[in-house]
Amino acid sequence: MAKYNYDDWTFCGGRVTERRIQKPCFWDDKLVALVDGVPTGVCGQCGERYYRAAVLKRIEANLKTRSRSRQIRLPVIEYSARM
């Protein structure tokens, strides 16, 4: 698959290049999935990420059909200011 040519980032003017990242997906406040290898435009100056609509639609479709290759379990830890 060919890389997408992104425009420079509007806010800081940095150059945006495509990278494959791991994207967390949330429903309300809950993490529901981690999606590996998501093609993402990343600004080289400020690090802002840009997701194309077609990519997000594909992720959403995969989440709806529960298409996944593996699962992990994570502990939920309550934050405490006391140490």
PDB file of N, CA and C in Angstrom:
ATOM      1  N   MET A   1       0.845  -1.182   0.000  1.00  0.00           N
ATOM      2  CA  MET A   1       0.000   0.000   0.000  1.00  0.00           C
ATOM      3  C   MET A   1       0.887   1.241   0.000  1.00  0.00           C
ATOM      4  N   ALA A   2       0.601   2.158  -0.909  1.00  0.00           N
ATOM      5  CA  ALA A   2       1.391   3.381  -1.031  1.00  0.00           C
ATOM      6  C   ALA A   2       1.095   4.323   0.127  1.00  0.00           C
ATOM      7  N   LYS A   3       2.111   5.065   0.513  1.00  0.00           N
ATOM      8  CA  LYS A   3       1.915   6.046   1.573  1.00  0.00           C
ATOM      9  C   LYS A   3       1.131   7.238   1.040  1.00  0.00           C
ATOM     10  N   TYR A   4       0.326   7.824   1.913  1.00  0.00           N
ATOM     11  CA  TYR A   4      -0.493   8.982   1.581  1.00  0.00           C
ATOM     12  C   TYR A   4       0.373  10.234   1.723  1.00  0.00           C
ATOM     13  N   ASN A   5       0.193  11.194   0.834  1.00  0.00           N
ATOM     14  CA  ASN A   5       0.922  12.463   0.922  1.00  0.00           C
ATOM     15  C   ASN A   5       0.091  13.470   1.714  1.00  0.00           C
ATOM     16  N   TYR A   6       0.541  13.790   2.904  1.00  0.00           N
ATOM     17  CA  TYR A   6      -0.147  14.728   3.777  1.00  0.00           C
ATOM     18  C   TYR A   6       0.352  16.144   3.520  1.00  0.00           C
ATOM     19  N   ASP A   7      -0.532  17.122   3.728  1.00  0.00           N
ATOM     20  CA  ASP A   7      -0.119  18.525   3.685  1.00  0.00           C
ATOM     21  C   ASP A   7       0.633  18.848   4.970  1.00  0.00           C
ATOM     22  N   ASP A   8       1.369  19.957   4.972  1.00  0.00           N
ATOM     23  CA  ASP A   8       2.013  20.409   6.204  1.00  0.00           C
ATOM     24  C   ASP A   8       0.928  20.723   7.230  1.00  0.00           C
ATOM     25  N   TRP A   9       1.279  20.585   8.517  1.00  0.00           N
ATOM     26  CA  TRP A   9       0.313  20.792   9.588  1.00  0.00           C
ATOM     27  C   TRP A   9      -0.084  22.257   9.636  1.00  0.00           C
ATOM     28  N   THR A  10      -1.381  22.531   9.656  1.00  0.00           N
ATOM     29  CA  THR A  10      -1.931  23.883   9.588  1.00  0.00           C
ATOM     30  C   THR A  10      -1.518  24.746  10.776  1.00  0.00           C
ATOM     31  N   PHE A  11      -1.476  24.169  11.962  1.00  0.00           N
ATOM     32  CA  PHE A  11      -1.281  24.965  13.175  1.00  0.00           C
ATOM     33  C   PHE A  11       0.162  25.391  13.402  1.00  0.00           C
ATOM     34  N   CYS A  12       1.119  24.487  13.206  1.00  0.00           N
ATOM     35  CA  CYS A  12       2.516  24.857  13.481  1.00  0.00           C
ATOM     36  C   CYS A  12       3.356  24.935  12.210  1.00  0.00           C
ATOM     37  N   GLY A  13       2.811  24.469  11.087  1.00  0.00           N
ATOM     38  CA  GLY A  13       3.551  24.514   9.827  1.00  0.00           C
ATOM     39  C   GLY A  13       4.551  23.396   9.665  1.00  0.00           C
ATOM     40  N   GLY A  14       4.568  22.431  10.601  1.00  0.00           N
ATOM     41  CA  GLY A  14       5.516  21.321  10.526  1.00  0.00           C
ATOM     42  C   GLY A  14       5.183  20.356   9.404  1.00  0.00           C
ATOM     43  N   ARG A  15       6.194  19.610   8.990  1.00  0.00           N
ATOM     44  CA  ARG A  15       6.020  18.623   7.924  1.00  0.00           C
ATOM     45  C   ARG A  15       5.378  17.362   8.494  1.00  0.00           C
ATOM     46  N   VAL A  16       4.362  16.865   7.807  1.00  0.00           N
ATOM     47  CA  VAL A  16       3.638  15.672   8.243  1.00  0.00           C
ATOM     48  C   VAL A  16       4.062  14.488   7.376  1.00  0.00           C
ATOM     49  N   THR A  17       4.486  13.412   8.029  1.00  0.00           N
ATOM     50  CA  THR A  17       4.854  12.183   7.323  1.00  0.00           C
ATOM     51  C   THR A  17       4.041  11.027   7.880  1.00  0.00           C
ATOM     52  N   GLU A  18       3.870  10.014   7.054  1.00  0.00           N
ATOM     53  CA  GLU A  18       3.078   8.870   7.495  1.00  0.00           C
ATOM     54  C   GLU A  18       3.927   7.899   8.294  1.00  0.00           C
ATOM     55  N   ARG A  19       3.351   7.452   9.399  1.00  0.00           N
ATOM     56  CA  ARG A  19       3.957   6.423  10.250  1.00  0.00           C
ATOM     57  C   ARG A  19       2.885   5.411  10.594  1.00  0.00           C
ATOM     58  N   ARG A  20       3.300   4.242  10.991  1.00  0.00           N
ATOM     59  CA  ARG A  20       2.380   3.211  11.480  1.00  0.00           C
ATOM     60  C   ARG A  20       2.461   3.234  12.997  1.00  0.00           C
ATOM     61  N   ILE A  21       1.334   3.488  13.639  1.00  0.00           N
ATOM     62  CA  ILE A  21       1.313   3.637  15.098  1.00  0.00           C
ATOM     63  C   ILE A  21       0.293   2.692  15.722  1.00  0.00           C
ATOM     64  N   GLN A  22       0.319   2.636  17.045  1.00  0.00           N
ATOM     65  CA  GLN A  22      -0.695   1.902  17.798  1.00  0.00           C
ATOM     66  C   GLN A  22      -1.695   2.933  18.311  1.00  0.00           C
ATOM     67  N   LYS A  23      -2.964   2.788  17.902  1.00  0.00           N
ATOM     68  CA  LYS A  23      -3.993   3.760  18.258  1.00  0.00           C
ATOM     69  C   LYS A  23      -4.927   3.198  19.320  1.00  0.00           C
ATOM     70  N   PRO A  24      -5.021   3.879  20.464  1.00  0.00           N
ATOM     71  CA  PRO A  24      -6.019   3.470  21.458  1.00  0.00           C
ATOM     72  C   PRO A  24      -7.407   3.941  21.015  1.00  0.00           C
ATOM     73  N   CYS A  25      -8.410   3.109  21.214  1.00  0.00           N
ATOM     74  CA  CYS A  25      -9.791   3.449  20.865  1.00  0.00           C
ATOM     75  C   CYS A  25     -10.632   3.427  22.131  1.00  0.00           C
ATOM     76  N   PHE A  26     -11.362   4.490  22.344  1.00  0.00           N
ATOM     77  CA  PHE A  26     -12.161   4.653  23.559  1.00  0.00           C
ATOM     78  C   PHE A  26     -13.645   4.675  23.239  1.00  0.00           C
ATOM     79  N   TRP A  27     -14.448   4.172  24.169  1.00  0.00           N
ATOM     80  CA  TRP A  27     -15.895   4.313  24.154  1.00  0.00           C
ATOM     81  C   TRP A  27     -16.246   4.954  25.481  1.00  0.00           C
ATOM     82  N   ASP A  28     -16.797   6.145  25.450  1.00  0.00           N
ATOM     83  CA  ASP A  28     -16.946   6.986  26.632  1.00  0.00           C
ATOM     84  C   ASP A  28     -15.550   7.168  27.230  1.00  0.00           C
ATOM     85  N   ASP A  29     -15.344   6.775  28.476  1.00  0.00           N
ATOM     86  CA  ASP A  29     -14.026   6.922  29.089  1.00  0.00           C
ATOM     87  C   ASP A  29     -13.245   5.618  29.121  1.00  0.00           C
ATOM     88  N   LYS A  30     -13.768   4.579  28.502  1.00  0.00           N
ATOM     89  CA  LYS A  30     -13.150   3.260  28.617  1.00  0.00           C
ATOM     90  C   LYS A  30     -12.379   2.881  27.364  1.00  0.00           C
ATOM     91  N   LEU A  31     -11.170   2.386  27.584  1.00  0.00           N
ATOM     92  CA  LEU A  31     -10.359   1.862  26.490  1.00  0.00           C
ATOM     93  C   LEU A  31     -10.964   0.548  26.028  1.00  0.00           C
ATOM     94  N   VAL A  32     -11.358   0.466  24.760  1.00  0.00           N
ATOM     95  CA  VAL A  32     -11.994  -0.751  24.260  1.00  0.00           C
ATOM     96  C   VAL A  32     -11.092  -1.550  23.336  1.00  0.00           C
ATOM     97  N   ALA A  33     -10.063  -0.910  22.771  1.00  0.00           N
ATOM     98  CA  ALA A  33      -9.165  -1.636  21.874  1.00  0.00           C
ATOM     99  C   ALA A  33      -7.897  -0.844  21.625  1.00  0.00           C
ATOM    100  N   LEU A  34      -6.843  -1.566  21.283  1.00  0.00           N
ATOM    101  CA  LEU A  34      -5.615  -0.991  20.749  1.00  0.00           C
ATOM    102  C   LEU A  34      -5.482  -1.524  19.337  1.00  0.00           C
ATOM    103  N   VAL A  35      -5.332  -0.637  18.380  1.00  0.00           N
ATOM    104  CA  VAL A  35      -5.232  -1.050  16.985  1.00  0.00           C
ATOM    105  C   VAL A  35      -3.799  -0.825  16.526  1.00  0.00           C
ATOM    106  N   ASP A  36      -3.115  -1.905  16.146  1.00  0.00           N
ATOM    107  CA  ASP A  36      -1.720  -1.829  15.700  1.00  0.00           C
ATOM    108  C   ASP A  36      -1.628  -1.488  14.219  1.00  0.00           C
ATOM    109  N   GLY A  37      -0.549  -0.795  13.853  1.00  0.00           N
ATOM    110  CA  GLY A  37      -0.229  -0.562  12.455  1.00  0.00           C
ATOM    111  C   GLY A  37      -1.127   0.420  11.744  1.00  0.00           C
ATOM    112  N   VAL A  38      -1.689   1.389  12.460  1.00  0.00           N
ATOM    113  CA  VAL A  38      -2.602   2.357  11.852  1.00  0.00           C
ATOM    114  C   VAL A  38      -1.795   3.405  11.080  1.00  0.00           C
ATOM    115  N   PRO A  39      -2.059   3.571   9.769  1.00  0.00           N
ATOM    116  CA  PRO A  39      -1.368   4.619   9.014  1.00  0.00           C
ATOM    117  C   PRO A  39      -1.828   5.993   9.501  1.00  0.00           C
ATOM    118  N   THR A  40      -0.874   6.788   9.957  1.00  0.00           N
ATOM    119  CA  THR A  40      -1.180   8.057  10.612  1.00  0.00           C
ATOM    120  C   THR A  40      -0.212   9.133  10.149  1.00  0.00           C
ATOM    121  N   GLY A  41      -0.729  10.303   9.864  1.00  0.00           N
ATOM    122  CA  GLY A  41       0.144  11.435   9.582  1.00  0.00           C
ATOM    123  C   GLY A  41       0.617  12.020  10.896  1.00  0.00           C
ATOM    124  N   VAL A  42       1.935  12.154  11.056  1.00  0.00           N
ATOM    125  CA  VAL A  42       2.494  12.685  12.302  1.00  0.00           C
ATOM    126  C   VAL A  42       3.355  13.898  11.974  1.00  0.00           C
ATOM    127  N   CYS A  43       3.078  15.006  12.656  1.00  0.00           N
ATOM    128  CA  CYS A  43       3.844  16.231  12.454  1.00  0.00           C
ATOM    129  C   CYS A  43       5.231  16.073  13.068  1.00  0.00           C
ATOM    130  N   GLY A  44       6.245  16.342  12.286  1.00  0.00           N
ATOM    131  CA  GLY A  44       7.621  16.236  12.762  1.00  0.00           C
ATOM    132  C   GLY A  44       8.015  17.330  13.723  1.00  0.00           C
ATOM    133  N   GLN A  45       7.234  18.404  13.776  1.00  0.00           N
ATOM    134  CA  GLN A  45       7.564  19.524  14.660  1.00  0.00           C
ATOM    135  C   GLN A  45       6.873  19.419  16.018  1.00  0.00           C
ATOM    136  N   CYS A  46       5.558  19.179  16.020  1.00  0.00           N
ATOM    137  CA  CYS A  46       4.826  19.182  17.293  1.00  0.00           C
ATOM    138  C   CYS A  46       4.302  17.803  17.702  1.00  0.00           C
ATOM    139  N   GLY A  47       4.370  16.815  16.792  1.00  0.00           N
ATOM    140  CA  GLY A  47       3.938  15.463  17.124  1.00  0.00           C
ATOM    141  C   GLY A  47       2.443  15.216  16.972  1.00  0.00           C
ATOM    142  N   GLU A  48       1.693  16.219  16.553  1.00  0.00           N
ATOM    143  CA  GLU A  48       0.248  16.057  16.362  1.00  0.00           C
ATOM    144  C   GLU A  48      -0.022  14.954  15.344  1.00  0.00           C
ATOM    145  N   ARG A  49      -1.088  14.181  15.584  1.00  0.00           N
ATOM    146  CA  ARG A  49      -1.438  13.068  14.703  1.00  0.00           C
ATOM    147  C   ARG A  49      -2.668  13.414  13.872  1.00  0.00           C
ATOM    148  N   TYR A  50      -2.669  12.945  12.641  1.00  0.00           N
ATOM    149  CA  TYR A  50      -3.775  13.171  11.734  1.00  0.00           C
ATOM    150  C   TYR A  50      -4.217  11.825  11.170  1.00  0.00           C
ATOM    151  N   TYR A  51      -5.493  11.493  11.337  1.00  0.00           N
ATOM    152  CA  TYR A  51      -6.044  10.240  10.832  1.00  0.00           C
ATOM    153  C   TYR A  51      -6.968  10.546   9.661  1.00  0.00           C
ATOM    154  N   ARG A  52      -6.772   9.880   8.553  1.00  0.00           N
ATOM    155  CA  ARG A  52      -7.661  10.049   7.407  1.00  0.00           C
ATOM    156  C   ARG A  52      -9.015   9.408   7.715  1.00  0.00           C
ATOM    157  N   ALA A  53     -10.070   9.972   7.161  1.00  0.00           N
ATOM    158  CA  ALA A  53     -11.428   9.487   7.414  1.00  0.00           C
ATOM    159  C   ALA A  53     -11.587   8.018   7.028  1.00  0.00           C
ATOM    160  N   ALA A  54     -11.011   7.614   5.901  1.00  0.00           N
ATOM    161  CA  ALA A  54     -11.139   6.221   5.450  1.00  0.00           C
ATOM    162  C   ALA A  54     -10.512   5.251   6.446  1.00  0.00           C
ATOM    163  N   VAL A  55      -9.414   5.659   7.064  1.00  0.00           N
ATOM    164  CA  VAL A  55      -8.736   4.817   8.056  1.00  0.00           C
ATOM    165  C   VAL A  55      -9.613   4.668   9.299  1.00  0.00           C
ATOM    166  N   LEU A  56     -10.180   5.772   9.783  1.00  0.00           N
ATOM    167  CA  LEU A  56     -11.038   5.722  10.968  1.00  0.00           C
ATOM    168  C   LEU A  56     -12.312   4.917  10.711  1.00  0.00           C
ATOM    169  N   LYS A  57     -12.855   5.009   9.507  1.00  0.00           N
ATOM    170  CA  LYS A  57     -14.047   4.230   9.165  1.00  0.00           C
ATOM    171  C   LYS A  57     -13.738   2.740   9.171  1.00  0.00           C
ATOM    172  N   ARG A  58     -12.561   2.362   8.680  1.00  0.00           N
ATOM    173  CA  ARG A  58     -12.174   0.944   8.683  1.00  0.00           C
ATOM    174  C   ARG A  58     -11.992   0.444  10.115  1.00  0.00           C
ATOM    175  N   ILE A  59     -11.373   1.254  10.972  1.00  0.00           N
ATOM    176  CA  ILE A  59     -11.207   0.876  12.383  1.00  0.00           C
ATOM    177  C   ILE A  59     -12.574   0.696  13.034  1.00  0.00           C
ATOM    178  N   GLU A  60     -13.478   1.633  12.788  1.00  0.00           N
ATOM    179  CA  GLU A  60     -14.818   1.550  13.363  1.00  0.00           C
ATOM    180  C   GLU A  60     -15.536   0.278  12.898  1.00  0.00           C
ATOM    181  N   ALA A  61     -15.420  -0.044  11.627  1.00  0.00           N
ATOM    182  CA  ALA A  61     -16.051  -1.262  11.105  1.00  0.00           C
ATOM    183  C   ALA A  61     -15.460  -2.504  11.763  1.00  0.00           C
ATOM    184  N   ASN A  62     -14.146  -2.528  11.951  1.00  0.00           N
ATOM    185  CA  ASN A  62     -13.502  -3.667  12.618  1.00  0.00           C
ATOM    186  C   ASN A  62     -13.958  -3.791  14.060  1.00  0.00           C
ATOM    187  N   LEU A  63     -14.124  -2.672  14.745  1.00  0.00           N
ATOM    188  CA  LEU A  63     -14.594  -2.715  16.134  1.00  0.00           C
ATOM    189  C   LEU A  63     -16.033  -3.216  16.220  1.00  0.00           C
ATOM    190  N   LYS A  64     -16.863  -2.825  15.261  1.00  0.00           N
ATOM    191  CA  LYS A  64     -18.260  -3.268  15.265  1.00  0.00           C
ATOM    192  C   LYS A  64     -18.378  -4.768  15.043  1.00  0.00           C
ATOM    193  N   THR A  65     -17.506  -5.322  14.217  1.00  0.00           N
ATOM    194  CA  THR A  65     -17.551  -6.758  13.950  1.00  0.00           C
ATOM    195  C   THR A  65     -16.670  -7.535  14.917  1.00  0.00           C
ATOM    196  N   ARG A  66     -16.053  -6.790  15.827  1.00  0.00           N
ATOM    197  CA  ARG A  66     -15.153  -7.382  16.824  1.00  0.00           C
ATOM    198  C   ARG A  66     -14.025  -8.183  16.183  1.00  0.00           C
ATOM    199  N   SER A  67     -13.555  -7.687  15.054  1.00  0.00           N
ATOM    200  CA  SER A  67     -12.443  -8.323  14.363  1.00  0.00           C
ATOM    201  C   SER A  67     -11.151  -7.999  15.116  1.00  0.00           C
ATOM    202  N   ARG A  68     -10.544  -9.007  15.691  1.00  0.00           N
ATOM    203  CA  ARG A  68      -9.294  -8.793  16.432  1.00  0.00           C
ATOM    204  C   ARG A  68      -8.469 -10.065  16.391  1.00  0.00           C
ATOM    205  N   SER A  69      -7.189  -9.902  16.520  1.00  0.00           N
ATOM    206  CA  SER A  69      -6.318 -11.055  16.431  1.00  0.00           C
ATOM    207  C   SER A  69      -5.871 -11.576  17.787  1.00  0.00           C
ATOM    208  N   ARG A  70      -5.864 -10.720  18.800  1.00  0.00           N
ATOM    209  CA  ARG A  70      -5.435 -11.160  20.134  1.00  0.00           C
ATOM    210  C   ARG A  70      -6.016 -10.223  21.180  1.00  0.00           C
ATOM    211  N   GLN A  71      -5.958 -10.640  22.428  1.00  0.00           N
ATOM    212  CA  GLN A  71      -6.452  -9.825  23.521  1.00  0.00           C
ATOM    213  C   GLN A  71      -5.406  -9.788  24.622  1.00  0.00           C
ATOM    214  N   ILE A  72      -5.423  -8.692  25.370  1.00  0.00           N
ATOM    215  CA  ILE A  72      -4.569  -8.571  26.544  1.00  0.00           C
ATOM    216  C   ILE A  72      -5.440  -8.130  27.704  1.00  0.00           C
ATOM    217  N   ARG A  73      -5.002  -8.424  28.920  1.00  0.00           N
ATOM    218  CA  ARG A  73      -5.698  -7.955  30.118  1.00  0.00           C
ATOM    219  C   ARG A  73      -4.798  -6.955  30.809  1.00  0.00           C
ATOM    220  N   LEU A  74      -5.402  -5.875  31.261  1.00  0.00           N
ATOM    221  CA  LEU A  74      -4.662  -4.834  31.965  1.00  0.00           C
ATOM    222  C   LEU A  74      -5.261  -4.626  33.343  1.00  0.00           C
ATOM    223  N   PRO A  75      -4.425  -4.412  34.343  1.00  0.00           N
ATOM    224  CA  PRO A  75      -4.968  -4.102  35.668  1.00  0.00           C
ATOM    225  C   PRO A  75      -5.517  -2.676  35.687  1.00  0.00           C
ATOM    226  N   VAL A  76      -6.568  -2.468  36.432  1.00  0.00           N
ATOM    227  CA  VAL A  76      -7.109  -1.128  36.656  1.00  0.00           C
ATOM    228  C   VAL A  76      -6.647  -0.712  38.041  1.00  0.00           C
ATOM    229  N   ILE A  77      -5.893   0.358  38.097  1.00  0.00           N
ATOM    230  CA  ILE A  77      -5.309   0.825  39.351  1.00  0.00           C
ATOM    231  C   ILE A  77      -5.900   2.180  39.683  1.00  0.00           C
ATOM    232  N   GLU A  78      -6.387   2.325  40.886  1.00  0.00           N
ATOM    233  CA  GLU A  78      -6.950   3.587  41.342  1.00  0.00           C
ATOM    234  C   GLU A  78      -5.812   4.506  41.754  1.00  0.00           C
ATOM    235  N   TYR A  79      -5.824   5.721  41.266  1.00  0.00           N
ATOM    236  CA  TYR A  79      -4.790   6.698  41.619  1.00  0.00           C
ATOM    237  C   TYR A  79      -4.946   7.121  43.066  1.00  0.00           C
ATOM    238  N   SER A  80      -3.812   7.232  43.764  1.00  0.00           N
ATOM    239  CA  SER A  80      -3.793   7.723  45.116  1.00  0.00           C
ATOM    240  C   SER A  80      -2.653   8.708  45.272  1.00  0.00           C
ATOM    241  N   ALA A  81      -2.932   9.850  45.867  1.00  0.00           N
ATOM    242  CA  ALA A  81      -1.905  10.861  46.062  1.00  0.00           C
ATOM    243  C   ALA A  81      -0.944  10.447  47.187  1.00  0.00           C
ATOM    244  N   ARG A  82      -1.394   9.565  48.056  1.00  0.00           N
ATOM    245  CA  ARG A  82      -0.537   9.097  49.155  1.00  0.00           C
ATOM    246  C   ARG A  82       0.405   8.014  48.650  1.00  0.00           C
ATOM    247  N   MET A  83       1.626   8.088  49.084  1.00  0.00           N
ATOM    248  CA  MET A  83       2.610   7.078  48.684  1.00  0.00           C
ATOM    249  C   MET A  83       3.317   6.554  49.895  1.00  0.00           C
TER     250      MET A  83
END
